[in-house]
Amino acid sequence: MTAATESSSRAAPVVRGAQSIDRAMQLLQCIAAQHAQGIALPELVEAVRLDRTTTYRIVSSLVRAGLVGRDAASGLYRLGIEAMALGLAAMQRAPLVERCLPAMKALARRSDEHVFLVVRSGDYSHCLHLEQGAHPIRSFFETVGSMRLLGLGIPSFSLLATMSDAEIAAHYARYEAEYQAHHMSAAKLQRWIRQTRELGHAQIVAKGIAGVGMRFAMGSCGDAALGIVVPASRLPRSRAAVLAAMLRGEVGRLG
């Protein structure tokens, strides 16, 4: 046996079906990105650049597995029950928390302030973790695990700002009563959105609380944000810029 033949014989074997798995994952990610509105088969074909027969065969397998659901009336595809079950199982030990924990600990240590991790869930933000600063604030701990309307939390404002103006207007219209109850007018919301886009991060002061927040991508189709939140008395404008720079550095490393 020659050296070349021996080297070839020791090479890793080709995994049959791997290409089909890759294509299935590509389709699943595409459907996940359009989950809220649903996506039709022709759009899937165009998005993944496969022929119609192959796309239909793979997506039908995903439907049988429960990872994807197909609306009988509209024919649109969305994520299925099994996809939801897998996501809920992951929440028992959220991979995102483990990934972000070193950055959160570093930010809490360097700033002496509380650091929040939130993820977007439709029109809401879900607080996954709080890394404690040097000055415990009981009300902050009560937010862990809670869901809040986008824009009613400092980190979540950076998530809201990534939406288009039309989407934000529709979002505010859906929840106007709740926003008004928190004294959040459409004009104030729009002003803070413009500021967030200009700065590249949320920088909010309201009701005695202040902080900075920054969005980052979570996987192929999710949004998350880190935020440093403090009593307003401890966040003059000059310090806000310092904390924002810290946050930008850690979020950059996460990306």
Protein backbone atom coordinates (compact mmCIF):
# COMPACT_ATOMS: atom_id res chain seq x y z
CA MET A 1 0.00 0.00 0.00
CA THR A 2 1.44 3.37 -0.99
CA ALA A 3 1.65 6.28 1.43
CA ALA A 4 -1.04 8.12 -0.55
CA THR A 5 -3.33 5.07 -0.47
CA GLU A 6 -2.74 4.57 3.25
CA SER A 7 -3.49 8.25 3.92
CA SER A 8 -6.65 8.00 1.84
CA SER A 9 -7.83 4.91 3.70
CA ARG A 10 -7.48 6.74 7.00
CA ALA A 11 -9.51 9.77 5.79
CA ALA A 12 -12.85 10.38 7.49
CA PRO A 13 -15.66 8.58 5.65
CA VAL A 14 -18.23 10.63 3.78
CA VAL A 15 -21.41 10.92 5.85
CA ARG A 16 -24.26 9.94 3.59
CA GLY A 17 -27.27 12.20 3.79
CA ALA A 18 -25.30 15.11 5.28
CA GLN A 19 -26.25 17.32 2.34
CA SER A 20 -29.94 16.61 2.98
CA ILE A 21 -29.49 17.53 6.65
CA ASP A 22 -27.79 20.79 5.68
CA ARG A 23 -30.66 21.60 3.32
CA ALA A 24 -33.25 20.75 5.96
CA MET A 25 -31.52 23.06 8.45
CA GLN A 26 -31.41 25.82 5.85
CA LEU A 27 -35.15 25.46 5.26
CA LEU A 28 -35.87 25.33 9.00
CA GLN A 29 -33.93 28.55 9.58
CA CYS A 30 -35.75 30.24 6.71
CA ILE A 31 -39.15 29.21 8.10
CA ALA A 32 -38.12 30.35 11.58
CA ALA A 33 -37.17 33.79 10.25
CA GLN A 34 -40.68 34.15 8.75
CA HIS A 35 -42.54 32.35 11.54
CA ALA A 36 -44.87 35.19 12.54
CA GLN A 37 -46.30 35.81 9.07
CA GLY A 38 -45.65 32.37 7.60
CA ILE A 39 -43.94 31.58 4.31
CA ALA A 40 -45.25 29.92 1.14
CA LEU A 41 -43.54 27.12 -0.77
CA PRO A 42 -42.57 29.32 -3.78
CA GLU A 43 -40.84 31.76 -1.41
CA LEU A 44 -38.99 28.87 0.23
CA VAL A 45 -37.86 27.61 -3.18
CA GLU A 46 -36.53 31.05 -4.06
CA ALA A 47 -34.87 31.59 -0.67
CA VAL A 48 -32.94 28.30 -0.55
CA ARG A 49 -32.41 28.00 -4.32
CA LEU A 50 -33.49 24.40 -4.58
CA ASP A 51 -35.92 22.97 -7.09
CA ARG A 52 -39.57 22.82 -6.05
CA THR A 53 -39.71 19.02 -5.75
CA THR A 54 -36.66 18.82 -3.46
CA THR A 55 -37.88 21.72 -1.33
CA TYR A 56 -41.34 20.18 -0.95
CA ARG A 57 -39.90 16.76 -0.09
CA ILE A 58 -37.64 18.16 2.65
CA VAL A 59 -40.19 20.52 4.15
CA SER A 60 -42.75 17.70 4.19
CA SER A 61 -40.30 15.64 6.26
CA LEU A 62 -40.00 18.56 8.68
CA VAL A 63 -43.79 18.70 8.92
CA ARG A 64 -43.96 14.97 9.70
CA ALA A 65 -41.35 15.48 12.42
CA GLY A 66 -43.43 18.27 13.95
CA LEU A 67 -40.66 20.83 13.50
CA VAL A 68 -42.76 22.67 10.92
CA GLY A 69 -46.50 23.18 10.59
CA ARG A 70 -48.49 23.92 7.43
CA ASP A 71 -51.68 25.96 7.58
CA ALA A 72 -54.34 24.03 5.67
CA ALA A 73 -56.21 27.16 4.54
CA SER A 74 -53.33 29.39 3.44
CA GLY A 75 -50.66 26.77 2.73
CA LEU A 76 -48.14 28.84 4.69
CA TYR A 77 -45.40 27.16 6.70
CA ARG A 78 -44.47 28.08 10.27
CA LEU A 79 -42.52 26.43 13.07
CA GLY A 80 -44.32 23.46 14.61
CA ILE A 81 -45.02 22.14 18.09
CA GLU A 82 -41.83 20.09 18.23
CA ALA A 83 -39.72 23.16 17.47
CA MET A 84 -41.43 24.93 20.36
CA ALA A 85 -40.85 21.95 22.65
CA LEU A 86 -37.15 21.90 21.79
CA GLY A 87 -36.89 25.62 22.51
CA LEU A 88 -38.61 25.25 25.87
CA ALA A 89 -36.29 22.38 26.80
CA ALA A 90 -33.30 24.60 26.02
CA MET A 91 -34.66 27.29 28.35
CA GLN A 92 -34.06 25.01 31.34
CA ARG A 93 -30.36 25.69 30.80
CA ALA A 94 -30.33 28.48 28.25
CA PRO A 95 -27.24 28.22 26.01
CA LEU A 96 -27.35 31.99 25.51
CA VAL A 97 -26.88 32.62 29.24
CA GLU A 98 -23.84 30.35 29.30
CA ARG A 99 -22.43 32.10 26.26
CA CYS A 100 -23.00 35.60 27.68
CA LEU A 101 -22.09 34.95 31.32
CA PRO A 102 -18.36 35.79 31.03
CA ALA A 103 -19.18 39.08 29.30
CA MET A 104 -21.84 39.91 31.89
CA LYS A 105 -19.50 39.16 34.79
CA ALA A 106 -16.81 41.32 33.22
CA LEU A 107 -19.24 44.22 32.72
CA ALA A 108 -20.62 43.94 36.27
CA ARG A 109 -17.11 43.84 37.72
CA ARG A 110 -15.82 46.79 35.69
CA SER A 111 -18.91 48.98 36.15
CA ASP A 112 -20.06 47.88 39.65
CA GLU A 113 -23.57 47.94 38.17
CA HIS A 114 -26.27 45.44 37.25
CA VAL A 115 -26.15 43.79 33.83
CA PHE A 116 -29.26 42.36 32.17
CA LEU A 117 -29.62 39.84 29.34
CA VAL A 118 -32.91 39.89 27.44
CA VAL A 119 -34.18 38.17 24.30
CA ARG A 120 -36.92 39.24 21.95
CA SER A 121 -40.09 37.16 21.97
CA GLY A 122 -42.46 38.67 19.44
CA ASP A 123 -43.61 42.06 20.75
CA TYR A 124 -42.01 41.42 24.14
CA SER A 125 -38.62 41.03 25.76
CA HIS A 126 -37.89 38.13 28.09
CA CYS A 127 -35.29 38.71 30.81
CA LEU A 128 -33.07 35.62 31.01
CA HIS A 129 -30.41 36.67 33.49
CA LEU A 130 -29.24 39.44 35.81
CA GLU A 131 -25.61 39.73 36.86
CA GLN A 132 -25.52 41.62 40.14
CA GLY A 133 -23.52 44.81 40.61
CA ALA A 134 -22.02 46.21 43.78
CA HIS A 135 -25.27 47.77 45.00
CA PRO A 136 -28.15 45.23 45.12
CA ILE A 137 -31.55 46.57 44.05
CA ARG A 138 -34.39 44.24 44.99
CA SER A 139 -36.79 45.38 42.27
CA PHE A 140 -34.21 44.50 39.61
CA PHE A 141 -34.17 40.85 40.69
CA GLU A 142 -37.96 40.65 40.26
CA THR A 143 -37.61 41.24 36.52
CA VAL A 144 -35.66 38.00 35.89
CA GLY A 145 -37.92 35.59 34.04
CA SER A 146 -40.48 38.28 33.27
CA MET A 147 -41.86 39.43 29.93
CA ARG A 148 -42.10 43.15 29.19
CA LEU A 149 -43.39 45.05 26.18
CA LEU A 150 -40.55 46.15 23.91
CA GLY A 151 -39.54 49.68 24.81
CA LEU A 152 -40.49 49.41 28.47
CA GLY A 153 -37.02 48.24 29.42
CA ILE A 154 -33.66 49.80 28.57
CA PRO A 155 -32.02 46.76 26.88
CA SER A 156 -35.22 46.02 24.96
CA PHE A 157 -35.22 49.51 23.48
CA SER A 158 -32.24 48.50 21.36
CA LEU A 159 -34.36 45.60 20.05
CA LEU A 160 -37.27 47.89 19.21
CA ALA A 161 -34.99 50.28 17.31
CA THR A 162 -34.05 47.58 14.78
CA MET A 163 -37.66 47.43 13.54
CA SER A 164 -38.74 49.59 10.61
CA ASP A 165 -40.69 52.81 11.22
CA ALA A 166 -43.84 51.17 9.85
CA GLU A 167 -43.42 48.16 12.15
CA ILE A 168 -42.86 50.42 15.17
CA ALA A 169 -45.97 52.47 14.35
CA ALA A 170 -48.06 49.30 14.06
CA HIS A 171 -46.53 47.96 17.28
CA TYR A 172 -47.37 51.14 19.20
CA ALA A 173 -50.93 51.11 17.83
CA ARG A 174 -51.44 47.54 19.07
CA TYR A 175 -50.32 48.40 22.60
CA GLU A 176 -51.14 52.10 22.88
CA ALA A 177 -53.16 51.66 26.08
CA GLU A 178 -50.29 49.86 27.81
CA TYR A 179 -47.75 52.42 26.65
CA GLN A 180 -49.98 55.28 27.81
CA ALA A 181 -50.30 53.62 31.21
CA HIS A 182 -46.50 53.87 31.45
CA HIS A 183 -46.59 57.51 30.25
CA MET A 184 -44.94 56.57 26.98
CA SER A 185 -46.34 58.73 24.19
CA ALA A 186 -45.77 57.95 20.54
CA ALA A 187 -43.66 61.12 20.24
CA LYS A 188 -41.41 60.11 23.16
CA LEU A 189 -41.02 56.59 21.77
CA GLN A 190 -40.05 57.93 18.35
CA ARG A 191 -37.58 60.40 19.89
CA TRP A 192 -35.80 57.65 21.81
CA ILE A 193 -35.82 55.40 18.75
CA ARG A 194 -34.07 58.12 16.72
CA GLN A 195 -31.53 58.63 19.50
CA THR A 196 -30.86 54.89 19.75
CA ARG A 197 -30.24 54.62 16.03
CA GLU A 198 -27.93 57.66 16.02
CA LEU A 199 -25.86 56.44 18.98
CA GLY A 200 -25.85 52.78 17.97
CA HIS A 201 -27.15 51.83 21.42
CA ALA A 202 -30.06 52.65 23.71
CA GLN A 203 -29.34 55.33 26.32
CA ILE A 204 -32.43 55.99 28.42
CA VAL A 205 -33.25 57.93 31.57
CA ALA A 206 -36.78 57.51 32.97
CA LYS A 207 -38.48 57.22 36.36
CA GLY A 208 -35.23 57.45 38.31
CA ILE A 209 -33.60 54.62 36.35
CA ALA A 210 -31.00 55.01 33.62
CA GLY A 211 -28.80 52.80 31.52
CA VAL A 212 -27.41 51.71 28.20
CA GLY A 213 -28.42 48.72 26.09
CA MET A 214 -27.16 47.08 22.92
CA ARG A 215 -28.68 44.51 20.61
CA PHE A 216 -26.86 41.51 19.10
CA ALA A 217 -27.87 38.60 16.91
CA MET A 218 -28.91 35.32 18.53
CA GLY A 219 -28.43 32.46 16.10
CA SER A 220 -29.82 32.74 12.59
CA CYS A 221 -33.07 34.54 13.33
CA GLY A 222 -33.18 35.75 16.94
CA ASP A 223 -32.41 39.02 18.71
CA ALA A 224 -30.95 39.54 22.16
CA ALA A 225 -29.60 42.52 24.08
CA LEU A 226 -27.32 43.29 27.00
CA GLY A 227 -27.94 46.29 29.20
CA ILE A 228 -26.27 48.04 32.12
CA VAL A 229 -28.97 49.58 34.33
CA VAL A 230 -28.37 51.94 37.26
CA PRO A 231 -30.17 54.52 39.41
CA ALA A 232 -30.26 57.74 37.38
CA SER A 233 -28.22 59.59 40.01
CA ARG A 234 -25.22 57.37 39.17
CA LEU A 235 -25.29 57.91 35.42
CA PRO A 236 -24.22 61.38 34.27
CA ARG A 237 -23.81 61.76 30.50
CA SER A 238 -20.03 61.34 30.67
CA ARG A 239 -20.33 58.00 32.50
CA ALA A 240 -23.02 56.79 30.11
CA ALA A 241 -20.50 57.09 27.27
CA VAL A 242 -17.95 55.05 29.25
CA LEU A 243 -20.47 52.28 30.02
CA ALA A 244 -21.62 52.24 26.39
CA ALA A 245 -18.01 51.73 25.26
CA MET A 246 -17.63 48.81 27.70
CA LEU A 247 -20.85 47.30 26.44
CA ARG A 248 -19.88 47.71 22.80
CA GLY A 249 -16.61 45.92 23.41
CA GLU A 250 -18.23 42.90 25.07
CA VAL A 251 -21.05 42.67 22.52
CA GLY A 252 -18.46 42.84 19.74
CA ARG A 253 -16.67 39.86 21.24
CA LEU A 254 -19.95 37.95 21.50
CA GLY A 255 -20.57 38.58 17.80
